[in-house]
Amino acid sequence: MRVPRIEFTDDRLANGLRLIVAEDHLAPVAAVNIWYAVGSKHEQPGRTGFAHLFEHVMFQGSAHVSKAEHIGLIQSVGGTMNGTTWLDRTNYFETVPSHRLELALWLEADRMGTLLEALNQENLDNQREVVKNEKRWSYDNRPYGSWNERLLGGVFPPEHPYHHPTIGSMADLDAATIDDLQAFFRTHYAPNNAVLSVVGDVDRAQVRRWVERYFGRIPANPALPVDLGDLSLPATLGRELRDVVMDSVPLPRIYWGFRAPVFGDARLDALDLAGQILAGGKGSRLDRRLVREERLAQDVAMFSLGLVGGASITAGWATARPGVDLVRLEAVFWEELSRLATDSPSADELERAKALTEADELGALQRVEERADRLSMYATLFDDPDLANRMLPRYLAVTAEQIRGVCAEVFREDNRLVLTYLPAEQTAGDAEVAA
């Protein structure tokens, strides 16, 4: 199979900003994607949630852009934009008609260089409340909303920077001051801590001229990189962890979490394919047995969250059908994971998993915004943007024995966290949970 290749240039400005440009003249659109190497893992104790809070603050204006004007300007030319925060990074992105590319670049440069000129107490107070409401909506008051926080807290020890979620704590958000935010911005939002990728109907030379014009005068931070110390972890948790949560949930649900190899390790590629074999649609093992044959579960999932600092997480869940014995549900789920750790998948299963992964990857890479994001990601996390071209061949080269081998390493009783959610009106005695 011929895998399509992204042709790109990779350059740096004098201030350290990394610029990656990939021309694609198929459609008159351009994607701008900027990754900053700052995520929630860079936060200090007592100051959690700052990376995510800053994602919001970055849309509150800069020296030459008023509050929310960045969004309005992009939308007024028919573009789309957003930003996201994760444990390892924060990113911002726009897709615009290619003849409005200069506008998107100028907007990103203005807030990188002059955001502090517009940062004030009103903006901080407003966005702090927005983030707190987001936490209430997405975590505290949503059924099963605390699962991510609980899994991170179990898989990673308290001293590890992945132990807390990106949303942070209410107390830390309340304690944030203007001085705190200014210091955070000056430390992390520097051109030498960023990768800017531009993909689409563009001219490389023109992009370089615009980027030099708008970003070139922004000073670097000579104190980079920020040293987080040794983030390495043992390969397994060393014991089984269990927790039962009584919450306002419609049905019982059991989550499983495992410590897994870091993002970039070829074993995580094999775990991704294992996720397809176990829970990738109606032909997968868990769906077939738990949902359709034994009718124990309403739905199932299995996936990996790739992280670069010491370990990743492989996780899954099963939502119980009404009245189902949870001990039986957990036992069957674990049987299927254990079976994949003992016996290699069949040739048909491996072919199906690769076909699903190939379709996902090729579908994503059809979009200029996804190509820009991949280039920024691999440059930021691995100093290797060409991984965007090599990841699909890596997936397609995984063997059945490699899948069995990594499942044997990860799906172990001394490496599992089992989190059971029960409806608040249901007592643990009403629905026995495996001990």
Foldseek 3Di string as FASTA:
>chain_A
DDFDAFDWDWDAFPQQAIEIETEDAPDQKKKKKKKFQDAQLPDDVLQALLVVLVQQLLQCDFDPAHRNRLQVVLVVQPKDWGWDGFLGIIMIMMMGRNVCVLVNLLSVLRSLATSLVRDDPVSLVVSLVVLVVVCCVQAVPDAVSPVCLVQLCQQDDPVGSSNGTRSTDNSSSVVDDSVNSVVVSLQTSFSSRMYIYMYYNDDVVVVVVSCCVRNVVRHHDPPDDDDPDALADPQFLQAEAEDEAAAAHPFKKKKKKFWAAAPVPLLLLLQQLVQCQQAVPCNHDVNVPCCPNPNFFPHKGWHWDHHHRHTTMTMMMTTGDPPHQQQVVVVVSLVVLVVLLPDFDDPVSLVVSLVVVVVVLVVQVVDRNSLRVLQRVCCNRPVCSSVNVVSSVSSVPDDSVSSNNRSNSISDNGGMYMYMYDHNVDDCVNHPHDD
